N, C-alpha and C. Protein backbone atom coordinates (compact mmCIF):
# COMPACT_ATOMS: atom_id res chain seq x y z
N MET A 1 17.07 17.74 20.60
CA MET A 1 16.57 16.75 19.69
C MET A 1 15.12 17.10 19.33
N LYS A 2 14.85 17.17 18.06
CA LYS A 2 13.52 17.54 17.61
C LYS A 2 12.62 16.32 17.52
N VAL A 3 11.34 16.56 17.72
CA VAL A 3 10.36 15.48 17.64
C VAL A 3 10.22 14.99 16.21
N PHE A 4 10.37 15.88 15.24
CA PHE A 4 10.18 15.53 13.85
C PHE A 4 11.24 14.57 13.32
N GLN A 5 12.32 14.37 14.05
CA GLN A 5 13.33 13.41 13.63
C GLN A 5 12.82 11.98 13.74
N PHE A 6 11.84 11.76 14.61
CA PHE A 6 11.32 10.42 14.81
C PHE A 6 10.18 10.07 13.87
N VAL A 7 9.60 11.05 13.20
CA VAL A 7 8.47 10.80 12.32
C VAL A 7 8.82 9.84 11.19
N PRO A 8 9.94 10.00 10.47
CA PRO A 8 10.25 9.03 9.41
C PRO A 8 10.43 7.61 9.94
N ARG A 9 10.93 7.47 11.13
CA ARG A 9 11.12 6.13 11.70
C ARG A 9 9.78 5.47 11.98
N PHE A 10 8.84 6.22 12.54
CA PHE A 10 7.52 5.66 12.80
C PHE A 10 6.76 5.40 11.51
N ALA A 11 6.96 6.24 10.51
CA ALA A 11 6.33 6.01 9.21
C ALA A 11 6.86 4.73 8.59
N THR A 12 8.15 4.47 8.72
CA THR A 12 8.73 3.25 8.19
C THR A 12 8.18 2.02 8.90
N ILE A 13 7.97 2.12 10.19
CA ILE A 13 7.37 1.02 10.94
C ILE A 13 5.96 0.74 10.44
N GLY A 14 5.19 1.80 10.22
CA GLY A 14 3.83 1.63 9.72
C GLY A 14 3.77 1.03 8.34
N ILE A 15 4.68 1.46 7.47
CA ILE A 15 4.72 0.93 6.11
C ILE A 15 5.11 -0.55 6.13
N ALA A 16 6.10 -0.88 6.95
CA ALA A 16 6.54 -2.27 7.03
C ALA A 16 5.47 -3.16 7.66
N ALA A 17 4.68 -2.61 8.56
CA ALA A 17 3.63 -3.40 9.21
C ALA A 17 2.41 -3.58 8.32
N ALA A 18 2.21 -2.71 7.33
CA ALA A 18 1.03 -2.80 6.47
C ALA A 18 1.15 -3.88 5.42
N THR A 19 2.34 -4.21 5.00
CA THR A 19 2.53 -5.18 3.93
C THR A 19 1.95 -6.56 4.26
N PRO A 20 2.20 -7.14 5.42
CA PRO A 20 1.61 -8.45 5.70
C PRO A 20 0.09 -8.44 5.77
N LEU A 21 -0.51 -7.28 6.04
CA LEU A 21 -1.97 -7.22 6.10
C LEU A 21 -2.60 -7.53 4.75
N PHE A 22 -1.99 -7.06 3.68
CA PHE A 22 -2.54 -7.34 2.35
C PHE A 22 -2.50 -8.84 2.05
N PHE A 23 -1.39 -9.49 2.38
CA PHE A 23 -1.28 -10.92 2.12
C PHE A 23 -2.22 -11.72 3.02
N ALA A 24 -2.35 -11.31 4.26
CA ALA A 24 -3.26 -12.01 5.17
C ALA A 24 -4.71 -11.84 4.73
N LEU A 25 -5.05 -10.68 4.24
CA LEU A 25 -6.40 -10.43 3.76
C LEU A 25 -6.74 -11.33 2.59
N ILE A 26 -5.81 -11.48 1.68
CA ILE A 26 -6.04 -12.32 0.50
C ILE A 26 -6.23 -13.77 0.90
N THR A 27 -5.35 -14.29 1.74
CA THR A 27 -5.44 -15.71 2.10
C THR A 27 -6.62 -16.00 3.02
N GLU A 28 -7.13 -15.01 3.71
CA GLU A 28 -8.25 -15.21 4.61
C GLU A 28 -9.58 -15.30 3.88
N TYR A 29 -9.76 -14.52 2.84
CA TYR A 29 -11.08 -14.39 2.24
C TYR A 29 -11.23 -15.00 0.86
N LEU A 30 -10.19 -15.55 0.30
CA LEU A 30 -10.27 -16.17 -1.03
C LEU A 30 -9.95 -17.66 -0.93
N SER A 31 -10.39 -18.39 -1.94
CA SER A 31 -10.05 -19.81 -1.99
C SER A 31 -8.55 -19.95 -2.27
N LYS A 32 -8.05 -21.16 -2.20
CA LYS A 32 -6.61 -21.37 -2.37
C LYS A 32 -6.12 -20.95 -3.75
N ALA A 33 -6.86 -21.32 -4.79
CA ALA A 33 -6.44 -20.95 -6.15
C ALA A 33 -6.53 -19.45 -6.36
N ALA A 34 -7.60 -18.86 -5.88
CA ALA A 34 -7.76 -17.41 -6.04
C ALA A 34 -6.76 -16.66 -5.17
N ALA A 35 -6.42 -17.20 -4.00
CA ALA A 35 -5.44 -16.55 -3.14
C ALA A 35 -4.06 -16.53 -3.79
N ALA A 36 -3.72 -17.59 -4.50
CA ALA A 36 -2.43 -17.61 -5.20
C ALA A 36 -2.39 -16.52 -6.27
N CYS A 37 -3.49 -16.35 -6.98
CA CYS A 37 -3.56 -15.28 -7.99
C CYS A 37 -3.52 -13.91 -7.32
N GLY A 38 -4.18 -13.76 -6.19
CA GLY A 38 -4.19 -12.49 -5.47
C GLY A 38 -2.81 -12.12 -4.95
N ILE A 39 -2.11 -13.08 -4.41
CA ILE A 39 -0.75 -12.82 -3.92
C ILE A 39 0.17 -12.45 -5.08
N ALA A 40 0.01 -13.13 -6.22
CA ALA A 40 0.82 -12.80 -7.39
C ALA A 40 0.51 -11.38 -7.88
N LEU A 41 -0.76 -11.00 -7.86
CA LEU A 41 -1.14 -9.65 -8.29
C LEU A 41 -0.56 -8.59 -7.36
N ILE A 42 -0.66 -8.82 -6.06
CA ILE A 42 -0.10 -7.86 -5.09
C ILE A 42 1.41 -7.75 -5.25
N SER A 43 2.08 -8.87 -5.44
CA SER A 43 3.53 -8.84 -5.62
C SER A 43 3.91 -8.12 -6.90
N SER A 44 3.16 -8.36 -7.97
CA SER A 44 3.46 -7.70 -9.24
C SER A 44 3.26 -6.20 -9.15
N LEU A 45 2.15 -5.77 -8.55
CA LEU A 45 1.90 -4.35 -8.41
C LEU A 45 2.90 -3.70 -7.45
N GLY A 46 3.31 -4.44 -6.45
CA GLY A 46 4.32 -3.93 -5.53
C GLY A 46 5.67 -3.73 -6.18
N ASN A 47 5.98 -4.55 -7.16
CA ASN A 47 7.25 -4.41 -7.88
C ASN A 47 7.20 -3.30 -8.93
N LEU A 48 6.02 -2.87 -9.31
CA LEU A 48 5.92 -1.76 -10.26
C LEU A 48 6.22 -0.41 -9.61
N GLY A 49 5.99 -0.30 -8.33
CA GLY A 49 6.21 0.96 -7.62
C GLY A 49 7.61 1.51 -7.76
N PRO A 50 8.65 0.73 -7.48
CA PRO A 50 10.01 1.25 -7.63
C PRO A 50 10.39 1.56 -9.08
N ALA A 51 9.68 0.98 -10.04
CA ALA A 51 9.98 1.27 -11.44
C ALA A 51 9.32 2.57 -11.91
N VAL A 52 8.14 2.86 -11.39
CA VAL A 52 7.37 4.02 -11.85
C VAL A 52 7.61 5.25 -10.97
N SER A 53 7.83 5.04 -9.71
CA SER A 53 7.92 6.15 -8.76
C SER A 53 9.02 7.17 -9.07
N PRO A 54 10.24 6.79 -9.40
CA PRO A 54 11.25 7.81 -9.69
C PRO A 54 10.90 8.69 -10.88
N SER A 55 10.34 8.08 -11.92
CA SER A 55 9.95 8.87 -13.09
C SER A 55 8.82 9.83 -12.75
N LEU A 56 7.85 9.34 -12.01
CA LEU A 56 6.72 10.19 -11.63
C LEU A 56 7.17 11.31 -10.68
N ASN A 57 8.05 10.98 -9.76
CA ASN A 57 8.56 11.99 -8.85
C ASN A 57 9.38 13.05 -9.59
N GLY A 58 10.19 12.63 -10.55
CA GLY A 58 10.95 13.58 -11.34
C GLY A 58 10.04 14.48 -12.18
N LEU A 59 8.98 13.92 -12.72
CA LEU A 59 8.02 14.70 -13.49
C LEU A 59 7.31 15.73 -12.62
N ILE A 60 6.90 15.32 -11.43
CA ILE A 60 6.25 16.25 -10.50
C ILE A 60 7.22 17.35 -10.09
N GLN A 61 8.47 17.00 -9.82
CA GLN A 61 9.45 18.00 -9.45
C GLN A 61 9.72 18.97 -10.60
N GLN A 62 9.71 18.48 -11.81
CA GLN A 62 9.91 19.34 -12.97
C GLN A 62 8.74 20.31 -13.15
N TRP A 63 7.53 19.84 -12.95
CA TRP A 63 6.35 20.68 -13.11
C TRP A 63 6.22 21.73 -12.01
N THR A 64 6.52 21.32 -10.76
CA THR A 64 6.27 22.21 -9.62
C THR A 64 7.53 22.92 -9.12
N GLY A 65 8.70 22.35 -9.38
CA GLY A 65 9.94 22.93 -8.87
C GLY A 65 10.22 22.59 -7.42
N SER A 66 9.45 21.68 -6.85
CA SER A 66 9.62 21.31 -5.45
C SER A 66 9.50 19.80 -5.30
N THR A 67 10.26 19.24 -4.37
CA THR A 67 10.16 17.81 -4.11
C THR A 67 9.04 17.47 -3.13
N ALA A 68 8.48 18.49 -2.50
CA ALA A 68 7.44 18.25 -1.50
C ALA A 68 6.18 17.63 -2.11
N TYR A 69 5.84 18.00 -3.33
CA TYR A 69 4.62 17.48 -3.93
C TYR A 69 4.74 16.00 -4.28
N GLY A 70 5.93 15.54 -4.57
CA GLY A 70 6.14 14.11 -4.77
C GLY A 70 5.92 13.33 -3.48
N ILE A 71 6.35 13.91 -2.38
CA ILE A 71 6.13 13.28 -1.08
C ILE A 71 4.65 13.29 -0.74
N TYR A 72 3.96 14.36 -1.08
CA TYR A 72 2.51 14.41 -0.85
C TYR A 72 1.80 13.33 -1.66
N LEU A 73 2.26 13.08 -2.88
CA LEU A 73 1.67 12.02 -3.69
C LEU A 73 1.87 10.66 -3.03
N VAL A 74 3.06 10.40 -2.54
CA VAL A 74 3.33 9.12 -1.87
C VAL A 74 2.45 8.98 -0.63
N MET A 75 2.32 10.05 0.14
CA MET A 75 1.46 10.00 1.33
C MET A 75 0.01 9.75 0.94
N ALA A 76 -0.46 10.38 -0.12
CA ALA A 76 -1.83 10.18 -0.57
C ALA A 76 -2.05 8.73 -1.02
N MET A 77 -1.05 8.15 -1.66
CA MET A 77 -1.18 6.76 -2.10
C MET A 77 -1.25 5.81 -0.90
N TYR A 78 -0.48 6.08 0.13
CA TYR A 78 -0.56 5.24 1.33
C TYR A 78 -1.91 5.37 2.02
N VAL A 79 -2.42 6.57 2.09
CA VAL A 79 -3.75 6.77 2.69
C VAL A 79 -4.81 6.05 1.85
N LEU A 80 -4.73 6.16 0.54
CA LEU A 80 -5.67 5.48 -0.34
C LEU A 80 -5.59 3.97 -0.17
N ALA A 81 -4.38 3.43 -0.08
CA ALA A 81 -4.21 1.99 0.13
C ALA A 81 -4.81 1.55 1.46
N GLY A 82 -4.63 2.37 2.50
CA GLY A 82 -5.23 2.05 3.79
C GLY A 82 -6.74 2.07 3.76
N LEU A 83 -7.31 3.04 3.06
CA LEU A 83 -8.77 3.11 2.94
C LEU A 83 -9.32 1.94 2.14
N ILE A 84 -8.62 1.56 1.09
CA ILE A 84 -9.05 0.39 0.31
C ILE A 84 -8.99 -0.86 1.18
N LEU A 85 -7.95 -0.99 1.98
CA LEU A 85 -7.82 -2.14 2.87
C LEU A 85 -8.95 -2.17 3.89
N LEU A 86 -9.27 -1.02 4.46
CA LEU A 86 -10.37 -0.96 5.43
C LEU A 86 -11.70 -1.29 4.77
N ALA A 87 -11.93 -0.81 3.57
CA ALA A 87 -13.17 -1.12 2.86
C ALA A 87 -13.24 -2.59 2.51
N ALA A 88 -12.13 -3.18 2.12
CA ALA A 88 -12.12 -4.60 1.77
C ALA A 88 -12.35 -5.48 2.99
N VAL A 89 -11.77 -5.14 4.10
CA VAL A 89 -11.97 -5.93 5.32
C VAL A 89 -13.41 -5.81 5.78
N HIS A 90 -13.96 -4.62 5.72
CA HIS A 90 -15.35 -4.42 6.14
C HIS A 90 -16.30 -5.20 5.23
N ALA A 91 -16.08 -5.15 3.93
CA ALA A 91 -16.94 -5.86 2.99
C ALA A 91 -16.79 -7.37 3.15
N ALA A 92 -15.61 -7.83 3.43
CA ALA A 92 -15.39 -9.27 3.56
C ALA A 92 -16.01 -9.81 4.83
N ARG A 93 -16.10 -9.03 5.86
CA ARG A 93 -16.69 -9.51 7.11
C ARG A 93 -18.19 -9.67 7.00
N THR A 94 -18.83 -8.95 6.10
CA THR A 94 -20.28 -9.03 5.99
C THR A 94 -20.73 -10.22 5.18
N THR A 95 -19.83 -10.90 4.48
CA THR A 95 -20.18 -12.06 3.68
C THR A 95 -19.73 -13.33 4.39
N GLU A 96 -20.29 -14.43 3.96
CA GLU A 96 -19.91 -15.72 4.52
C GLU A 96 -18.52 -16.10 4.03
N PRO A 97 -17.68 -16.68 4.89
CA PRO A 97 -16.35 -17.11 4.43
C PRO A 97 -16.50 -18.26 3.41
N ARG A 98 -15.62 -18.23 2.44
CA ARG A 98 -15.66 -19.26 1.40
C ARG A 98 -14.93 -20.51 1.86
N VAL A 99 -15.49 -21.64 1.56
CA VAL A 99 -14.87 -22.92 1.91
C VAL A 99 -14.12 -23.42 0.70
N ALA A 100 -12.87 -23.78 0.89
CA ALA A 100 -12.04 -24.24 -0.25
C ALA A 100 -12.36 -25.65 -0.61
């Protein structure tokens, strides 16, 4: 049994665990009205991914001739989302919490 067989399973756990963090971040640092708009924005952008990703992946595969670069793009997007989340949490901790 190879170790690399478990990597997709752990990646799926990480992806599934990251989703509630975005919603918790929004409700923690925004007022109630703004949090509702933030949750709607996150949900809307999250629903765009499955609509855009196959076309983008097919375009990358057509340009490069390999499916690996599409996977690299997805990995880069997850890393970017994690960095944005870390920056947002750090910035939000330095300010006073808003009272609704």
